[in-house]
Amino acid sequence: MSAVAFSSDGRSHPAPHRSCRFLLFLLPYFAVEYYLYVKSLGKEGVSATSEWSPAVEVVVEKKPSIASGTVLWAEGWSNFGTNSTTFTSCTLIDSYSYDGRTGYMDNATSVTYTANNNVRATTSSGGNCSGGHLWFNKSVAGELTTSAIKLYGATELVFSHSQGTSGSSVTSSYSTDGGTTWTELGTQSGAIAEKTYTFTVNAGTESIMIKLSHPANNAKNTRVDNLKLAVK
């Protein structure tokens, strides 16, 4: 004879099967295990809430990285000015624009150079500088600054230049805030075929400016050539 159970209203109902009673007995166990599982997911960054939501796949589009060695800007001073405008030997630089240009993504952007205190562009040759270069007067503190040079997402950079004459001295610096503050890269004393400085800027930096500084009362006039900014 089957077991009969009575509810509170006096009606009779068949008693649960033994297997059902066993499953009911295990329900608290499974509930605890499920809770611990969801809680562990929460520790790994998955929200452990009581509400279920479908998984959403987030796809982040990555911009292509710029290849190492890509030249962002270079200036060899082989020609001065644009549209047949030239700067004759030892012309005092005030502010002018030439085809020192970015070399990435076919987006050639003119770079403006500003100088003071008897910094000159000369077509003569000397030491490691030939076919046109910068000349800093040894008796006056000189300074040449570029306008903003686009980085196109690059953060690891290399700035280089050549320098002529022993006893010469040039300090290189860069700015990421439009020239408000400057970070010194270092000082080159004496002639060198290629001086390089490797440095890193913060991600998201759109452009930088480069500055070359020459001290007053230096032992020799300083010649600088082959300026280049590239991706490390």
Protein backbone atom coordinates (compact mmCIF):
# COMPACT_ATOMS: atom_id res chain seq x y z
CA MET A 1 0.00 0.00 0.00
CA SER A 2 1.28 3.46 -1.01
CA ALA A 3 2.12 6.03 1.63
CA VAL A 4 -0.26 8.91 1.90
CA ALA A 5 0.46 12.38 3.21
CA PHE A 6 -2.13 14.87 4.41
CA SER A 7 -1.82 18.59 3.84
CA SER A 8 -3.03 21.33 6.18
CA ASP A 9 -6.36 21.50 4.34
CA GLY A 10 -7.09 17.85 5.11
CA ARG A 11 -6.61 16.62 1.58
CA SER A 12 -4.57 13.52 0.92
CA HIS A 13 -1.54 13.50 -1.39
CA PRO A 14 0.84 10.72 -2.37
CA ALA A 15 4.02 10.85 -0.29
CA PRO A 16 7.19 11.81 -2.22
CA HIS A 17 9.16 8.96 -3.70
CA ARG A 18 12.37 8.03 -1.87
CA SER A 19 14.52 9.34 -4.77
CA CYS A 20 12.75 12.67 -4.57
CA ARG A 21 13.33 12.82 -0.84
CA PHE A 22 17.03 12.14 -1.50
CA LEU A 23 17.24 14.97 -4.01
CA LEU A 24 15.52 17.30 -1.62
CA PHE A 25 18.10 16.30 0.97
CA LEU A 26 20.93 17.26 -1.44
CA LEU A 27 19.49 20.62 -2.48
CA PRO A 28 21.15 22.62 0.35
CA TYR A 29 24.50 21.05 -0.58
CA PHE A 30 24.20 22.04 -4.24
CA ALA A 31 23.02 25.51 -3.27
CA VAL A 32 26.14 26.06 -1.14
CA GLU A 33 28.43 24.72 -3.90
CA TYR A 34 26.83 27.00 -6.49
CA TYR A 35 27.18 30.00 -4.19
CA LEU A 36 30.88 29.31 -3.63
CA TYR A 37 31.41 28.88 -7.40
CA VAL A 38 29.77 32.19 -8.24
CA LYS A 39 31.67 33.88 -5.43
CA SER A 40 34.98 32.60 -6.86
CA LEU A 41 34.05 34.06 -10.23
CA GLY A 42 33.47 37.37 -8.56
CA LYS A 43 37.05 37.36 -7.27
CA GLU A 44 38.28 37.03 -10.82
CA GLY A 45 36.42 40.08 -11.99
CA VAL A 46 33.03 38.52 -12.75
CA SER A 47 30.14 40.10 -10.92
CA ALA A 48 28.62 37.59 -8.49
CA THR A 49 25.00 38.72 -8.44
CA SER A 50 21.81 36.83 -8.10
CA GLU A 51 20.60 38.02 -11.52
CA TRP A 52 21.74 36.14 -14.60
CA SER A 53 22.89 38.10 -17.62
CA PRO A 54 24.21 36.82 -20.96
CA ALA A 55 27.96 37.10 -21.64
CA VAL A 56 28.95 40.14 -23.68
CA GLU A 57 32.14 40.02 -25.74
CA VAL A 58 33.96 43.33 -25.85
CA VAL A 59 36.25 43.79 -28.83
CA VAL A 60 38.90 46.54 -28.55
CA GLU A 61 40.30 47.67 -31.85
CA LYS A 62 44.09 48.05 -31.65
CA LYS A 63 45.86 50.62 -33.74
CA PRO A 64 48.84 49.29 -35.68
CA SER A 65 52.11 49.99 -33.92
CA ILE A 66 54.77 52.04 -35.66
CA ALA A 67 57.73 49.96 -36.76
CA SER A 68 61.05 50.41 -34.99
CA GLY A 69 63.33 52.73 -36.92
CA THR A 70 60.51 54.75 -38.51
CA VAL A 71 61.71 58.33 -38.97
CA LEU A 72 59.22 60.82 -37.56
CA TRP A 73 61.27 63.91 -38.44
CA ALA A 74 64.67 64.62 -39.93
CA GLU A 75 66.61 67.74 -40.89
CA GLY A 76 69.88 67.67 -42.78
CA TRP A 77 69.96 71.41 -43.57
CA SER A 78 70.90 70.60 -47.17
CA ASN A 79 68.36 73.21 -48.28
CA PHE A 80 67.06 76.16 -46.33
CA GLY A 81 63.52 77.39 -46.80
CA THR A 82 60.75 76.30 -49.14
CA ASN A 83 59.57 77.38 -52.60
CA SER A 84 63.12 78.26 -53.70
CA THR A 85 63.65 80.47 -50.65
CA THR A 86 67.20 79.97 -49.39
CA PHE A 87 69.18 81.15 -46.41
CA THR A 88 72.65 82.24 -47.41
CA SER A 89 75.77 81.29 -45.51
CA CYS A 90 75.79 82.59 -41.93
CA THR A 91 72.31 84.15 -42.12
CA LEU A 92 70.95 84.89 -38.68
CA ILE A 93 67.94 82.63 -37.91
CA ASP A 94 64.93 84.31 -36.36
CA SER A 95 62.04 82.02 -37.19
CA TYR A 96 61.53 80.07 -40.39
CA SER A 97 60.01 76.93 -41.78
CA TYR A 98 61.70 74.30 -43.88
CA ASP A 99 61.07 70.77 -45.07
CA GLY A 100 62.19 69.04 -41.94
CA ARG A 101 59.16 66.79 -42.14
CA THR A 102 57.47 63.86 -40.52
CA GLY A 103 58.06 60.69 -42.49
CA TYR A 104 55.16 58.52 -41.35
CA MET A 105 51.87 57.65 -43.06
CA ASP A 106 52.73 59.96 -46.00
CA ASN A 107 51.68 62.86 -43.82
CA ALA A 108 54.50 65.33 -44.39
CA THR A 109 54.12 68.04 -41.78
CA SER A 110 56.31 71.14 -41.90
CA VAL A 111 58.34 71.87 -38.79
CA THR A 112 59.12 75.43 -37.77
CA TYR A 113 62.50 76.32 -36.28
CA THR A 114 62.98 79.24 -33.91
CA ALA A 115 66.42 80.43 -32.84
CA ASN A 116 68.02 83.29 -30.95
CA ASN A 117 71.38 84.74 -30.02
CA ASN A 118 73.37 84.39 -33.21
CA VAL A 119 72.45 80.85 -34.20
CA ARG A 120 73.05 80.59 -37.94
CA ALA A 121 72.42 78.31 -40.87
CA THR A 122 75.55 77.88 -42.91
CA THR A 123 76.36 76.03 -46.14
CA SER A 124 80.01 75.53 -45.29
CA SER A 125 81.49 72.24 -44.10
CA GLY A 126 83.33 71.40 -40.93
CA GLY A 127 84.10 68.25 -38.99
CA ASN A 128 81.12 65.88 -39.18
CA CYS A 129 78.91 68.58 -40.70
CA SER A 130 78.69 69.17 -44.43
CA GLY A 131 76.28 70.36 -47.10
CA GLY A 132 74.60 72.77 -44.71
CA HIS A 133 74.34 72.73 -40.90
CA LEU A 134 73.68 74.83 -37.81
CA TRP A 135 76.36 77.08 -36.37
CA PHE A 136 76.37 78.37 -32.77
CA ASN A 137 78.56 81.35 -31.85
CA LYS A 138 80.99 80.42 -29.07
CA SER A 139 80.63 83.83 -27.37
CA VAL A 140 76.85 83.85 -26.99
CA ALA A 141 74.35 81.49 -25.37
CA GLY A 142 72.35 80.18 -28.31
CA GLU A 143 69.15 78.19 -28.57
CA LEU A 144 67.19 76.54 -31.39
CA THR A 145 63.70 75.11 -30.87
CA THR A 146 61.42 73.11 -33.17
CA SER A 147 57.68 73.35 -33.36
CA ALA A 148 55.55 70.32 -32.42
CA ILE A 149 56.59 67.06 -34.10
CA LYS A 150 53.79 64.48 -34.38
CA LEU A 151 54.39 61.07 -32.77
CA TYR A 152 51.47 59.05 -34.21
CA GLY A 153 51.22 56.96 -31.04
CA ALA A 154 54.95 56.22 -30.65
CA THR A 155 56.24 56.40 -27.06
CA GLU A 156 59.79 54.99 -27.26
CA LEU A 157 61.93 57.43 -29.20
CA VAL A 158 65.49 58.10 -30.32
CA PHE A 159 66.83 61.59 -31.04
CA SER A 160 70.19 61.91 -32.78
CA HIS A 161 72.49 64.51 -34.31
CA SER A 162 76.06 64.91 -35.52
CA GLN A 163 78.43 67.53 -34.13
CA GLY A 164 81.62 69.12 -35.42
CA THR A 165 84.66 70.74 -33.78
CA SER A 166 86.46 69.78 -30.63
CA GLY A 167 85.58 71.91 -27.65
CA SER A 168 82.00 72.32 -28.89
CA SER A 169 79.02 71.80 -26.58
CA VAL A 170 75.29 71.29 -27.21
CA THR A 171 72.55 70.26 -24.78
CA SER A 172 69.47 68.48 -26.17
CA SER A 173 66.04 68.69 -24.50
CA TYR A 174 62.42 67.86 -25.33
CA SER A 175 58.99 69.13 -24.30
CA THR A 176 55.60 67.40 -24.38
CA ASP A 177 53.53 70.40 -23.26
CA GLY A 178 54.18 72.94 -25.99
CA GLY A 179 57.42 74.28 -24.52
CA THR A 180 56.17 75.11 -21.03
CA THR A 181 58.52 72.59 -19.40
CA TRP A 182 61.61 70.86 -20.80
CA THR A 183 63.29 67.55 -20.03
CA GLU A 184 67.04 67.47 -20.63
CA LEU A 185 68.36 64.49 -22.61
CA GLY A 186 72.04 65.23 -22.15
CA THR A 187 75.00 67.30 -23.35
CA GLN A 188 77.46 66.40 -26.09
CA SER A 189 80.94 67.90 -25.75
CA GLY A 190 83.27 67.69 -28.72
CA ALA A 191 82.89 66.33 -32.23
CA ILE A 192 80.91 63.14 -32.85
CA ALA A 193 79.58 61.45 -35.99
CA GLU A 194 76.28 60.56 -34.32
CA LYS A 195 75.08 61.30 -30.82
CA THR A 196 71.93 59.40 -29.82
CA TYR A 197 69.52 59.81 -26.93
CA THR A 198 66.88 57.16 -26.18
CA PHE A 199 63.85 58.20 -24.13
CA THR A 200 60.20 57.38 -23.46
CA VAL A 201 57.14 59.64 -23.31
CA ASN A 202 53.77 58.88 -21.75
CA ALA A 203 51.19 56.98 -23.76
CA GLY A 204 48.80 59.39 -25.43
CA THR A 205 51.44 62.06 -26.03
CA GLU A 206 50.53 63.55 -29.41
CA SER A 207 53.70 65.50 -30.17
CA ILE A 208 57.00 66.77 -28.80
CA MET A 209 59.31 69.70 -29.36
CA ILE A 210 63.12 69.47 -29.54
CA LYS A 211 65.52 72.14 -28.25
CA LEU A 212 69.27 72.53 -28.78
CA SER A 213 71.10 74.84 -26.36
CA HIS A 214 74.65 76.21 -26.54
CA PRO A 215 76.40 77.86 -23.57
CA ALA A 216 77.93 81.32 -23.61
CA ASN A 217 81.71 81.73 -23.60
CA ASN A 218 82.31 78.26 -25.03
CA ALA A 219 85.80 77.22 -26.14
CA LYS A 220 84.79 76.79 -29.79
CA ASN A 221 81.96 77.61 -32.17
CA THR A 222 79.64 74.61 -32.41
CA ARG A 223 78.39 72.98 -35.61
CA VAL A 224 75.36 70.64 -35.52
CA ASP A 225 73.89 68.59 -38.37
CA ASN A 226 71.69 65.60 -39.27
CA LEU A 227 68.94 66.05 -36.70
CA LYS A 228 66.59 63.05 -36.55
CA LEU A 229 63.74 61.78 -34.39
CA ALA A 230 62.83 58.12 -34.89
CA VAL A 231 60.92 55.31 -33.22
CA LYS A 232 63.12 53.08 -31.08
